[in-house]
PDB file of all heavy atoms in Angstrom:
ATOM      1  N   LEU A   1     -18.888  18.849  -2.431  1.00  0.00           N
ATOM      2  CA  LEU A   1     -18.867  18.296  -1.117  1.00  0.00           C
ATOM      3  C   LEU A   1     -17.643  17.264  -0.838  1.00  0.00           C
ATOM      4  O   LEU A   1     -17.134  17.296   0.239  1.00  0.00           O
ATOM      5  CB  LEU A   1     -20.229  17.490  -0.782  1.00  0.00           C
ATOM      6  CG  LEU A   1     -20.454  17.050   0.616  1.00  0.00           C
ATOM      7  CD1 LEU A   1     -20.420  18.263   1.517  1.00  0.00           C
ATOM      8  CD2 LEU A   1     -21.836  16.378   0.779  1.00  0.00           C
ATOM      9  N   GLN A   2     -17.319  16.582  -1.981  1.00  0.00           N
ATOM     10  CA  GLN A   2     -16.123  15.794  -1.705  1.00  0.00           C
ATOM     11  C   GLN A   2     -14.921  16.610  -1.572  1.00  0.00           C
ATOM     12  O   GLN A   2     -14.124  16.128  -0.864  1.00  0.00           O
ATOM     13  CB  GLN A   2     -15.913  14.864  -3.067  1.00  0.00           C
ATOM     14  CG  GLN A   2     -14.665  13.910  -3.022  1.00  0.00           C
ATOM     15  CD  GLN A   2     -14.869  12.758  -2.021  1.00  0.00           C
ATOM     16  OE1 GLN A   2     -15.637  12.692  -1.281  1.00  0.00           O
ATOM     17  NE2 GLN A   2     -13.744  12.049  -2.153  1.00  0.00           N
ATOM     18  N   MET A   3     -14.781  17.719  -2.182  1.00  0.00           N
ATOM     19  CA  MET A   3     -13.562  18.601  -1.977  1.00  0.00           C
ATOM     20  C   MET A   3     -13.511  19.021  -0.540  1.00  0.00           C
ATOM     21  O   MET A   3     -12.497  19.049   0.131  1.00  0.00           O
ATOM     22  CB  MET A   3     -13.664  19.775  -2.956  1.00  0.00           C
ATOM     23  CG  MET A   3     -13.148  19.404  -4.398  1.00  0.00           C
ATOM     24  SD  MET A   3     -12.843  20.659  -5.414  1.00  0.00           S
ATOM     25  CE  MET A   3     -14.502  21.206  -5.916  1.00  0.00           C
ATOM     26  N   VAL A   4     -14.645  19.540   0.013  1.00  0.00           N
ATOM     27  CA  VAL A   4     -14.758  20.021   1.260  1.00  0.00           C
ATOM     28  C   VAL A   4     -14.442  18.850   2.305  1.00  0.00           C
ATOM     29  O   VAL A   4     -13.548  19.085   3.164  1.00  0.00           O
ATOM     30  CB  VAL A   4     -16.033  20.686   1.557  1.00  0.00           C
ATOM     31  CG1 VAL A   4     -16.269  21.022   3.228  1.00  0.00           C
ATOM     32  CG2 VAL A   4     -16.409  21.908   0.790  1.00  0.00           C
ATOM     33  N   SER A   5     -15.110  17.725   2.032  1.00  0.00           N
ATOM     34  CA  SER A   5     -14.949  16.563   2.895  1.00  0.00           C
ATOM     35  C   SER A   5     -13.606  16.005   2.921  1.00  0.00           C
ATOM     36  O   SER A   5     -12.876  15.899   4.010  1.00  0.00           O
ATOM     37  CB  SER A   5     -15.814  15.456   2.512  1.00  0.00           C
ATOM     38  OG  SER A   5     -15.646  14.279   3.281  1.00  0.00           O
ATOM     39  N   HIS A   6     -12.967  15.788   1.772  1.00  0.00           N
ATOM     40  CA  HIS A   6     -11.612  15.281   1.618  1.00  0.00           C
ATOM     41  C   HIS A   6     -10.634  16.230   2.139  1.00  0.00           C
ATOM     42  O   HIS A   6      -9.565  15.853   2.799  1.00  0.00           O
ATOM     43  CB  HIS A   6     -11.188  14.878   0.179  1.00  0.00           C
ATOM     44  CG  HIS A   6      -9.982  14.417   0.104  1.00  0.00           C
ATOM     45  ND1 HIS A   6      -8.906  15.185  -0.291  1.00  0.00           N
ATOM     46  CD2 HIS A   6      -9.430  13.170   0.255  1.00  0.00           C
ATOM     47  CE1 HIS A   6      -7.741  14.358  -0.332  1.00  0.00           C
ATOM     48  NE2 HIS A   6      -8.066  13.225  -0.078  1.00  0.00           N
ATOM     49  N   GLY A   7     -10.832  17.615   2.095  1.00  0.00           N
ATOM     50  CA  GLY A   7      -9.842  18.509   2.618  1.00  0.00           C
ATOM     51  C   GLY A   7      -9.800  18.350   4.238  1.00  0.00           C
ATOM     52  O   GLY A   7      -8.717  18.503   4.724  1.00  0.00           O
ATOM     53  N   LEU A   8     -10.911  18.156   4.836  1.00  0.00           N
ATOM     54  CA  LEU A   8     -10.822  18.043   6.251  1.00  0.00           C
ATOM     55  C   LEU A   8     -10.236  16.631   6.704  1.00  0.00           C
ATOM     56  O   LEU A   8      -9.414  16.559   7.513  1.00  0.00           O
ATOM     57  CB  LEU A   8     -12.327  18.188   6.758  1.00  0.00           C
ATOM     58  CG  LEU A   8     -13.070  19.469   6.598  1.00  0.00           C
ATOM     59  CD1 LEU A   8     -14.450  19.408   7.044  1.00  0.00           C
ATOM     60  CD2 LEU A   8     -12.360  20.480   7.640  1.00  0.00           C
ATOM     61  N   ILE A   9     -10.691  15.565   5.997  1.00  0.00           N
ATOM     62  CA  ILE A   9     -10.274  14.257   6.209  1.00  0.00           C
ATOM     63  C   ILE A   9      -8.831  14.006   6.080  1.00  0.00           C
ATOM     64  O   ILE A   9      -8.092  13.407   6.893  1.00  0.00           O
ATOM     65  CB  ILE A   9     -11.132  13.317   5.583  1.00  0.00           C
ATOM     66  CG1 ILE A   9     -12.585  13.201   6.072  1.00  0.00           C
ATOM     67  CG2 ILE A   9     -10.608  11.812   5.863  1.00  0.00           C
ATOM     68  CD1 ILE A   9     -13.554  12.579   5.152  1.00  0.00           C
ATOM     69  N   ALA A  10      -8.329  14.430   4.807  1.00  0.00           N
ATOM     70  CA  ALA A  10      -6.989  14.191   4.581  1.00  0.00           C
ATOM     71  C   ALA A  10      -5.971  15.113   5.453  1.00  0.00           C
ATOM     72  O   ALA A  10      -4.920  14.469   5.945  1.00  0.00           O
ATOM     73  CB  ALA A  10      -6.723  14.525   3.110  1.00  0.00           C
ATOM     74  N   ALA A  11      -6.449  16.239   5.703  1.00  0.00           N
ATOM     75  CA  ALA A  11      -5.670  17.064   6.705  1.00  0.00           C
ATOM     76  C   ALA A  11      -5.537  16.553   8.106  1.00  0.00           C
ATOM     77  O   ALA A  11      -4.516  16.513   8.760  1.00  0.00           O
ATOM     78  CB  ALA A  11      -6.283  18.567   6.780  1.00  0.00           C
ATOM     79  N   ALA A  12      -6.704  15.829   8.485  1.00  0.00           N
ATOM     80  CA  ALA A  12      -6.695  15.093   9.768  1.00  0.00           C
ATOM     81  C   ALA A  12      -5.703  13.928   9.778  1.00  0.00           C
ATOM     82  O   ALA A  12      -4.944  13.661  10.714  1.00  0.00           O
ATOM     83  CB  ALA A  12      -8.080  14.683  10.180  1.00  0.00           C
ATOM     84  N   MET A  13      -5.817  13.158   8.746  1.00  0.00           N
ATOM     85  CA  MET A  13      -4.950  11.929   8.668  1.00  0.00           C
ATOM     86  C   MET A  13      -3.432  12.304   8.579  1.00  0.00           C
ATOM     87  O   MET A  13      -2.551  11.680   9.328  1.00  0.00           O
ATOM     88  CB  MET A  13      -5.276  11.184   7.381  1.00  0.00           C
ATOM     89  CG  MET A  13      -6.669  10.542   7.502  1.00  0.00           C
ATOM     90  SD  MET A  13      -6.964   9.296   6.128  1.00  0.00           S
ATOM     91  CE  MET A  13      -5.979   7.932   6.907  1.00  0.00           C
ATOM     92  N   PHE A  14      -3.117  13.470   7.809  1.00  0.00           N
ATOM     93  CA  PHE A  14      -1.686  13.735   7.778  1.00  0.00           C
ATOM     94  C   PHE A  14      -1.215  14.440   9.070  1.00  0.00           C
ATOM     95  O   PHE A  14      -0.171  14.185   9.573  1.00  0.00           O
ATOM     96  CB  PHE A  14      -1.383  14.616   6.601  1.00  0.00           C
ATOM     97  CG  PHE A  14      -1.274  14.120   5.370  1.00  0.00           C
ATOM     98  CD1 PHE A  14      -2.163  14.193   4.254  1.00  0.00           C
ATOM     99  CD2 PHE A  14      -0.182  13.303   5.086  1.00  0.00           C
ATOM    100  CE1 PHE A  14      -2.085  13.586   3.136  1.00  0.00           C
ATOM    101  CE2 PHE A  14      -0.049  12.589   3.846  1.00  0.00           C
ATOM    102  CZ  PHE A  14      -1.126  12.743   2.861  1.00  0.00           C
ATOM    103  N   PHE A  15      -2.209  15.074   9.808  1.00  0.00           N
ATOM    104  CA  PHE A  15      -1.815  15.676  11.108  1.00  0.00           C
ATOM    105  C   PHE A  15      -1.576  14.575  12.113  1.00  0.00           C
ATOM    106  O   PHE A  15      -0.576  14.571  12.890  1.00  0.00           O
ATOM    107  CB  PHE A  15      -2.894  16.527  11.553  1.00  0.00           C
ATOM    108  CG  PHE A  15      -2.784  16.877  12.943  1.00  0.00           C
ATOM    109  CD1 PHE A  15      -1.827  17.719  13.498  1.00  0.00           C
ATOM    110  CD2 PHE A  15      -3.657  16.384  13.912  1.00  0.00           C
ATOM    111  CE1 PHE A  15      -1.540  18.104  14.801  1.00  0.00           C
ATOM    112  CE2 PHE A  15      -3.387  16.566  15.409  1.00  0.00           C
ATOM    113  CZ  PHE A  15      -2.493  17.481  15.693  1.00  0.00           C
ATOM    114  N   VAL A  16      -2.356  13.483  12.132  1.00  0.00           N
ATOM    115  CA  VAL A  16      -2.186  12.419  13.153  1.00  0.00           C
ATOM    116  C   VAL A  16      -1.027  11.715  12.778  1.00  0.00           C
ATOM    117  O   VAL A  16      -0.210  11.232  13.617  1.00  0.00           O
ATOM    118  CB  VAL A  16      -3.444  11.542  13.194  1.00  0.00           C
ATOM    119  CG1 VAL A  16      -3.300  10.458  14.248  1.00  0.00           C
ATOM    120  CG2 VAL A  16      -4.742  12.350  13.585  1.00  0.00           C
ATOM    121  N   THR A  17      -0.702  11.556  11.518  1.00  0.00           N
ATOM    122  CA  THR A  17       0.520  10.861  11.142  1.00  0.00           C
ATOM    123  C   THR A  17       1.792  11.589  11.600  1.00  0.00           C
ATOM    124  O   THR A  17       2.666  10.997  12.130  1.00  0.00           O
ATOM    125  CB  THR A  17       0.621  10.744   9.539  1.00  0.00           C
ATOM    126  OG1 THR A  17      -0.561  10.014   9.130  1.00  0.00           O
ATOM    127  CG2 THR A  17       1.935  10.050   9.105  1.00  0.00           C
ATOM    128  N   GLY A  18       1.711  12.955  11.442  1.00  0.00           N
ATOM    129  CA  GLY A  18       2.779  13.731  12.106  1.00  0.00           C
ATOM    130  C   GLY A  18       2.945  13.574  13.496  1.00  0.00           C
ATOM    131  O   GLY A  18       3.983  13.678  14.060  1.00  0.00           O
ATOM    132  N   VAL A  19       1.756  13.349  14.181  1.00  0.00           N
ATOM    133  CA  VAL A  19       1.857  13.269  15.778  1.00  0.00           C
ATOM    134  C   VAL A  19       2.621  12.062  16.072  1.00  0.00           C
ATOM    135  O   VAL A  19       3.505  12.038  16.867  1.00  0.00           O
ATOM    136  CB  VAL A  19       0.443  13.181  16.363  1.00  0.00           C
ATOM    137  CG1 VAL A  19       0.452  12.735  17.708  1.00  0.00           C
ATOM    138  CG2 VAL A  19      -0.247  14.535  16.160  1.00  0.00           C
ATOM    139  N   PHE A  20       2.315  10.895  15.426  1.00  0.00           N
ATOM    140  CA  PHE A  20       3.114   9.707  15.870  1.00  0.00           C
ATOM    141  C   PHE A  20       4.466   9.659  15.259  1.00  0.00           C
ATOM    142  O   PHE A  20       5.455   8.909  15.578  1.00  0.00           O
ATOM    143  CB  PHE A  20       2.215   8.387  15.827  1.00  0.00           C
ATOM    144  CG  PHE A  20       1.848   7.952  14.413  1.00  0.00           C
ATOM    145  CD1 PHE A  20       2.834   7.432  13.335  1.00  0.00           C
ATOM    146  CD2 PHE A  20       0.539   8.035  14.113  1.00  0.00           C
ATOM    147  CE1 PHE A  20       2.371   7.050  12.172  1.00  0.00           C
ATOM    148  CE2 PHE A  20       0.075   7.629  12.833  1.00  0.00           C
ATOM    149  CZ  PHE A  20       1.085   7.169  11.834  1.00  0.00           C
ATOM    150  N   TYR A  21       4.718  10.372  14.184  1.00  0.00           N
ATOM    151  CA  TYR A  21       6.017  10.423  13.648  1.00  0.00           C
ATOM    152  C   TYR A  21       7.121  11.210  14.579  1.00  0.00           C
ATOM    153  O   TYR A  21       8.162  10.759  14.776  1.00  0.00           O
ATOM    154  CB  TYR A  21       6.077  11.134  12.280  1.00  0.00           C
ATOM    155  CG  TYR A  21       7.384  11.427  11.668  1.00  0.00           C
ATOM    156  CD1 TYR A  21       8.274  10.344  11.232  1.00  0.00           C
ATOM    157  CD2 TYR A  21       8.130  12.698  11.709  1.00  0.00           C
ATOM    158  CE1 TYR A  21       9.575  10.593  10.723  1.00  0.00           C
ATOM    159  CE2 TYR A  21       9.292  12.911  11.284  1.00  0.00           C
ATOM    160  CZ  TYR A  21      10.117  11.744  10.786  1.00  0.00           C
ATOM    161  OH  TYR A  21      11.378  11.966  10.334  1.00  0.00           O
ATOM    162  N   GLU A  22       6.444  12.286  15.243  1.00  0.00           N
ATOM    163  CA  GLU A  22       7.294  13.061  16.126  1.00  0.00           C
ATOM    164  C   GLU A  22       7.795  12.156  17.348  1.00  0.00           C
ATOM    165  O   GLU A  22       8.815  12.400  17.906  1.00  0.00           O
ATOM    166  CB  GLU A  22       6.518  14.249  16.726  1.00  0.00           C
ATOM    167  CG  GLU A  22       6.360  15.353  15.665  1.00  0.00           C
ATOM    168  CD  GLU A  22       5.765  16.576  16.306  1.00  0.00           C
ATOM    169  OE1 GLU A  22       5.417  16.553  17.569  1.00  0.00           O
ATOM    170  OE2 GLU A  22       5.418  17.587  15.562  1.00  0.00           O
ATOM    171  N   ARG A  23       6.958  11.096  17.627  1.00  0.00           N
ATOM    172  CA  ARG A  23       7.278  10.242  18.749  1.00  0.00           C
ATOM    173  C   ARG A  23       8.175   8.990  18.260  1.00  0.00           C
ATOM    174  O   ARG A  23       8.925   8.490  19.049  1.00  0.00           O
ATOM    175  CB  ARG A  23       5.964   9.776  19.410  1.00  0.00           C
ATOM    176  CG  ARG A  23       5.349  10.831  20.224  1.00  0.00           C
ATOM    177  CD  ARG A  23       3.824  10.816  20.047  1.00  0.00           C
ATOM    178  NE  ARG A  23       3.238  11.794  20.960  1.00  0.00           N
ATOM    179  CZ  ARG A  23       2.963  13.089  20.566  1.00  0.00           C
ATOM    180  NH1 ARG A  23       3.282  13.544  19.394  1.00  0.00           N
ATOM    181  NH2 ARG A  23       2.346  13.917  21.509  1.00  0.00           N
ATOM    182  N   THR A  24       7.824   8.451  17.069  1.00  0.00           N
ATOM    183  CA  THR A  24       8.504   7.178  16.621  1.00  0.00           C
ATOM    184  C   THR A  24       9.725   7.516  15.786  1.00  0.00           C
ATOM    185  O   THR A  24      10.590   6.586  15.488  1.00  0.00           O
ATOM    186  CB  THR A  24       7.514   6.337  15.942  1.00  0.00           C
ATOM    187  OG1 THR A  24       7.074   7.069  14.743  1.00  0.00           O
ATOM    188  CG2 THR A  24       6.349   5.946  16.868  1.00  0.00           C
ATOM    189  N   LYS A  25       9.701   8.662  15.143  1.00  0.00           N
ATOM    190  CA  LYS A  25      10.709   9.045  14.200  1.00  0.00           C
ATOM    191  C   LYS A  25      10.814   8.073  12.963  1.00  0.00           C
ATOM    192  O   LYS A  25      11.869   7.874  12.374  1.00  0.00           O
ATOM    193  CB  LYS A  25      12.073   9.079  14.897  1.00  0.00           C
ATOM    194  CG  LYS A  25      12.166  10.019  15.979  1.00  0.00           C
ATOM    195  CD  LYS A  25      11.752  11.526  15.566  1.00  0.00           C
ATOM    196  CE  LYS A  25      11.804  12.420  16.817  1.00  0.00           C
ATOM    197  NZ  LYS A  25      11.398  13.797  16.411  1.00  0.00           N
ATOM    198  N   THR A  26       9.777   7.516  12.521  1.00  0.00           N
ATOM    199  CA  THR A  26       9.722   6.678  11.474  1.00  0.00           C
ATOM    200  C   THR A  26       8.231   6.625  10.845  1.00  0.00           C
ATOM    201  O   THR A  26       7.307   6.891  11.543  1.00  0.00           O
ATOM    202  CB  THR A  26       9.965   5.163  11.768  1.00  0.00           C
ATOM    203  OG1 THR A  26       9.995   4.445  10.493  1.00  0.00           O
ATOM    204  CG2 THR A  26       9.002   4.589  12.827  1.00  0.00           C
ATOM    205  N   LEU A  27       8.147   6.443   9.557  1.00  0.00           N
ATOM    206  CA  LEU A  27       6.845   6.376   8.829  1.00  0.00           C
ATOM    207  C   LEU A  27       6.857   5.040   8.180  1.00  0.00           C
ATOM    208  O   LEU A  27       5.807   4.795   7.335  1.00  0.00           O
ATOM    209  CB  LEU A  27       6.728   7.511   7.790  1.00  0.00           C
ATOM    210  CG  LEU A  27       6.519   8.978   8.373  1.00  0.00           C
ATOM    211  CD1 LEU A  27       6.585   9.920   7.368  1.00  0.00           C
ATOM    212  CD2 LEU A  27       5.152   9.092   9.198  1.00  0.00           C
ATOM    213  N   SER A  28       7.725   4.191   8.328  1.00  0.00           N
ATOM    214  CA  SER A  28       7.784   2.868   7.708  1.00  0.00           C
ATOM    215  C   SER A  28       6.702   1.983   8.376  1.00  0.00           C
ATOM    216  O   SER A  28       6.962   1.725   9.730  1.00  0.00           O
ATOM    217  CB  SER A  28       9.117   2.294   7.785  1.00  0.00           C
ATOM    218  OG  SER A  28       9.178   0.931   7.266  1.00  0.00           O
ATOM    219  N   ILE A  29       5.702   1.419   7.742  1.00  0.00           N
ATOM    220  CA  ILE A  29       4.731   0.604   8.357  1.00  0.00           C
ATOM    221  C   ILE A  29       5.345  -0.713   9.049  1.00  0.00           C
ATOM    222  O   ILE A  29       5.037  -1.152  10.141  1.00  0.00           O
ATOM    223  CB  ILE A  29       3.707   0.196   7.407  1.00  0.00           C
ATOM    224  CG1 ILE A  29       2.862   1.508   6.950  1.00  0.00           C
ATOM    225  CG2 ILE A  29       2.727  -0.748   7.979  1.00  0.00           C
ATOM    226  CD1 ILE A  29       1.933   1.319   5.844  1.00  0.00           C
ATOM    227  N   PRO A  30       6.335  -1.348   8.290  1.00  0.00           N
ATOM    228  CA  PRO A  30       7.004  -2.603   8.904  1.00  0.00           C
ATOM    229  C   PRO A  30       7.722  -2.256  10.235  1.00  0.00           C
ATOM    230  O   PRO A  30       7.959  -3.155  10.970  1.00  0.00           O
ATOM    231  CB  PRO A  30       7.849  -3.072   7.807  1.00  0.00           C
ATOM    232  CG  PRO A  30       7.399  -2.557   6.637  1.00  0.00           C
ATOM    233  CD  PRO A  30       6.845  -1.267   6.827  1.00  0.00           C
ATOM    234  N   ASN A  31       8.218  -1.027  10.381  1.00  0.00           N
ATOM    235  CA  ASN A  31       8.951  -0.660  11.507  1.00  0.00           C
ATOM    236  C   ASN A  31       8.150  -0.201  12.624  1.00  0.00           C
ATOM    237  O   ASN A  31       8.738   0.418  13.567  1.00  0.00           O
ATOM    238  CB  ASN A  31      10.050   0.378  11.126  1.00  0.00           C
ATOM    239  CG  ASN A  31      11.117  -0.111  10.280  1.00  0.00           C
ATOM    240  OD1 ASN A  31      11.398  -1.367  10.267  1.00  0.00           O
ATOM    241  ND2 ASN A  31      11.719   0.636   9.376  1.00  0.00           N
ATOM    242  N   MET A  32       6.907  -0.167  12.639  1.00  0.00           N
ATOM    243  CA  MET A  32       6.026   0.143  13.678  1.00  0.00           C
ATOM    244  C   MET A  32       5.126  -1.017  14.013  1.00  0.00           C
ATOM    245  O   MET A  32       4.745  -1.831  13.343  1.00  0.00           O
ATOM    246  CB  MET A  32       5.105   1.389  13.258  1.00  0.00           C
ATOM    247  CG  MET A  32       5.925   2.741  12.995  1.00  0.00           C
ATOM    248  SD  MET A  32       4.823   4.152  12.758  1.00  0.00           S
ATOM    249  CE  MET A  32       4.549   3.944  11.016  1.00  0.00           C
ATOM    250  N   GLY A  33       4.607  -0.840  15.150  1.00  0.00           N
ATOM    251  CA  GLY A  33       3.717  -1.986  15.681  1.00  0.00           C
ATOM    252  C   GLY A  33       3.354  -1.776  17.203  1.00  0.00           C
ATOM    253  O   GLY A  33       4.203  -1.260  17.895  1.00  0.00           O
ATOM    254  N   GLY A  34       2.136  -2.139  17.547  1.00  0.00           N
ATOM    255  CA  GLY A  34       1.726  -2.152  18.990  1.00  0.00           C
ATOM    256  C   GLY A  34       1.617  -0.726  19.527  1.00  0.00           C
ATOM    257  O   GLY A  34       1.613  -0.609  20.673  1.00  0.00           O
ATOM    258  N   LEU A  35       1.439   0.260  18.573  1.00  0.00           N
ATOM    259  CA  LEU A  35       1.255   1.667  19.173  1.00  0.00           C
ATOM    260  C   LEU A  35      -0.042   1.899  19.911  1.00  0.00           C
ATOM    261  O   LEU A  35      -0.184   2.882  20.453  1.00  0.00           O
ATOM    262  CB  LEU A  35       1.522   2.600  18.047  1.00  0.00           C
ATOM    263  CG  LEU A  35       2.944   2.758  17.447  1.00  0.00           C
ATOM    264  CD1 LEU A  35       2.944   3.772  16.309  1.00  0.00           C
ATOM    265  CD2 LEU A  35       3.896   3.086  18.466  1.00  0.00           C
ATOM    266  N   ALA A  36      -1.065   1.024  19.650  1.00  0.00           N
ATOM    267  CA  ALA A  36      -2.326   1.319  20.233  1.00  0.00           C
ATOM    268  C   ALA A  36      -2.245   1.415  21.835  1.00  0.00           C
ATOM    269  O   ALA A  36      -2.973   2.165  22.384  1.00  0.00           O
ATOM    270  CB  ALA A  36      -3.300   0.286  19.809  1.00  0.00           C
ATOM    271  N   LYS A  37      -1.367   0.561  22.316  1.00  0.00           N
ATOM    272  CA  LYS A  37      -1.309   0.445  23.800  1.00  0.00           C
ATOM    273  C   LYS A  37      -0.438   1.719  24.265  1.00  0.00           C
ATOM    274  O   LYS A  37      -0.889   2.318  25.338  1.00  0.00           O
ATOM    275  CB  LYS A  37      -0.546  -0.756  24.290  1.00  0.00           C
ATOM    276  CG  LYS A  37      -0.566  -0.908  25.732  1.00  0.00           C
ATOM    277  CD  LYS A  37      -0.142  -2.252  26.277  1.00  0.00           C
ATOM    278  CE  LYS A  37      -0.217  -2.483  27.773  1.00  0.00           C
ATOM    279  NZ  LYS A  37       0.199  -3.806  28.225  1.00  0.00           N
ATOM    280  N   ALA A  38       0.502   2.118  23.613  1.00  0.00           N
ATOM    281  CA  ALA A  38       1.284   3.251  23.954  1.00  0.00           C
ATOM    282  C   ALA A  38       0.584   4.672  23.569  1.00  0.00           C
ATOM    283  O   ALA A  38       0.817   5.552  24.290  1.00  0.00           O
ATOM    284  CB  ALA A  38       2.676   3.146  23.258  1.00  0.00           C
ATOM    285  N   LEU A  39       0.014   4.776  22.505  1.00  0.00           N
ATOM    286  CA  LEU A  39      -0.707   5.938  22.026  1.00  0.00           C
ATOM    287  C   LEU A  39      -2.259   5.582  21.812  1.00  0.00           C
ATOM    288  O   LEU A  39      -2.780   5.790  20.700  1.00  0.00           O
ATOM    289  CB  LEU A  39      -0.132   6.309  20.689  1.00  0.00           C
ATOM    290  CG  LEU A  39       1.404   6.599  20.711  1.00  0.00           C
ATOM    291  CD1 LEU A  39       1.980   6.878  19.359  1.00  0.00           C
ATOM    292  CD2 LEU A  39       1.713   7.799  21.635  1.00  0.00           C
ATOM    293  N   PRO A  40      -3.029   5.454  22.831  1.00  0.00           N
ATOM    294  CA  PRO A  40      -4.444   4.949  22.617  1.00  0.00           C
ATOM    295  C   PRO A  40      -5.292   6.185  22.117  1.00  0.00           C
ATOM    296  O   PRO A  40      -6.178   5.978  21.201  1.00  0.00           O
ATOM    297  CB  PRO A  40      -4.952   4.651  24.044  1.00  0.00           C
ATOM    298  CG  PRO A  40      -3.941   5.389  24.948  1.00  0.00           C
ATOM    299  CD  PRO A  40      -2.686   5.326  24.272  1.00  0.00           C
ATOM    300  N   ILE A  41      -4.984   7.488  22.453  1.00  0.00           N
ATOM    301  CA  ILE A  41      -5.751   8.582  21.976  1.00  0.00           C
ATOM    302  C   ILE A  41      -5.441   8.865  20.491  1.00  0.00           C
ATOM    303  O   ILE A  41      -6.178   9.141  19.606  1.00  0.00           O
ATOM    304  CB  ILE A  41      -5.495   9.887  22.879  1.00  0.00           C
ATOM    305  CG1 ILE A  41      -5.939   9.496  24.183  1.00  0.00           C
ATOM    306  CG2 ILE A  41      -6.183  10.983  22.263  1.00  0.00           C
ATOM    307  CD1 ILE A  41      -5.680  10.658  25.157  1.00  0.00           C
ATOM    308  N   THR A  42      -4.097   8.704  20.160  1.00  0.00           N
ATOM    309  CA  THR A  42      -3.614   8.982  18.744  1.00  0.00           C
ATOM    310  C   THR A  42      -4.217   7.888  17.907  1.00  0.00           C
ATOM    311  O   THR A  42      -4.772   8.142  16.828  1.00  0.00           O
ATOM    312  CB  THR A  42      -2.119   8.893  18.772  1.00  0.00           C
ATOM    313  OG1 THR A  42      -1.534   9.805  19.610  1.00  0.00           O
ATOM    314  CG2 THR A  42      -1.623   9.131  17.377  1.00  0.00           C
ATOM    315  N   PHE A  43      -4.316   6.686  18.378  1.00  0.00           N
ATOM    316  CA  PHE A  43      -4.954   5.572  17.655  1.00  0.00           C
ATOM    317  C   PHE A  43      -6.425   5.872  17.375  1.00  0.00           C
ATOM    318  O   PHE A  43      -6.936   5.644  16.359  1.00  0.00           O
ATOM    319  CB  PHE A  43      -4.845   4.199  18.376  1.00  0.00           C
ATOM    320  CG  PHE A  43      -5.738   3.174  17.935  1.00  0.00           C
ATOM    321  CD1 PHE A  43      -5.630   2.677  16.655  1.00  0.00           C
ATOM    322  CD2 PHE A  43      -6.786   2.757  18.802  1.00  0.00           C
ATOM    323  CE1 PHE A  43      -6.449   1.714  16.188  1.00  0.00           C
ATOM    324  CE2 PHE A  43      -7.658   1.709  18.278  1.00  0.00           C
ATOM    325  CZ  PHE A  43      -7.487   1.273  17.045  1.00  0.00           C
ATOM    326  N   ALA A  44      -7.097   6.521  18.390  1.00  0.00           N
ATOM    327  CA  ALA A  44      -8.519   6.674  18.241  1.00  0.00           C
ATOM    328  C   ALA A  44      -8.702   7.760  17.151  1.00  0.00           C
ATOM    329  O   ALA A  44      -9.625   7.670  16.376  1.00  0.00           O
ATOM    330  CB  ALA A  44      -9.100   7.217  19.603  1.00  0.00           C
ATOM    331  N   PHE A  45      -7.840   8.853  17.213  1.00  0.00           N
ATOM    332  CA  PHE A  45      -8.043   9.831  16.221  1.00  0.00           C
ATOM    333  C   PHE A  45      -7.703   9.232  14.715  1.00  0.00           C
ATOM    334  O   PHE A  45      -8.452   9.592  13.800  1.00  0.00           O
ATOM    335  CB  PHE A  45      -7.149  10.991  16.558  1.00  0.00           C
ATOM    336  CG  PHE A  45      -7.800  12.036  17.325  1.00  0.00           C
ATOM    337  CD1 PHE A  45      -7.763  11.918  18.793  1.00  0.00           C
ATOM    338  CD2 PHE A  45      -8.429  13.199  16.845  1.00  0.00           C
ATOM    339  CE1 PHE A  45      -8.277  12.821  19.606  1.00  0.00           C
ATOM    340  CE2 PHE A  45      -8.932  14.148  17.699  1.00  0.00           C
ATOM    341  CZ  PHE A  45      -8.920  13.953  19.094  1.00  0.00           C
TER     342      PHE A  45
END
């Protein structure tokens, strides 16, 4: 069950990461901030 569950969850996390990378062009945590207001749906996911 952990394999099935993690397969879905990890794929979701990497997908959403790709969504905001396409918009911000960075994956550096210190170089991002305040995205919840600009990307509320992305933040929710």
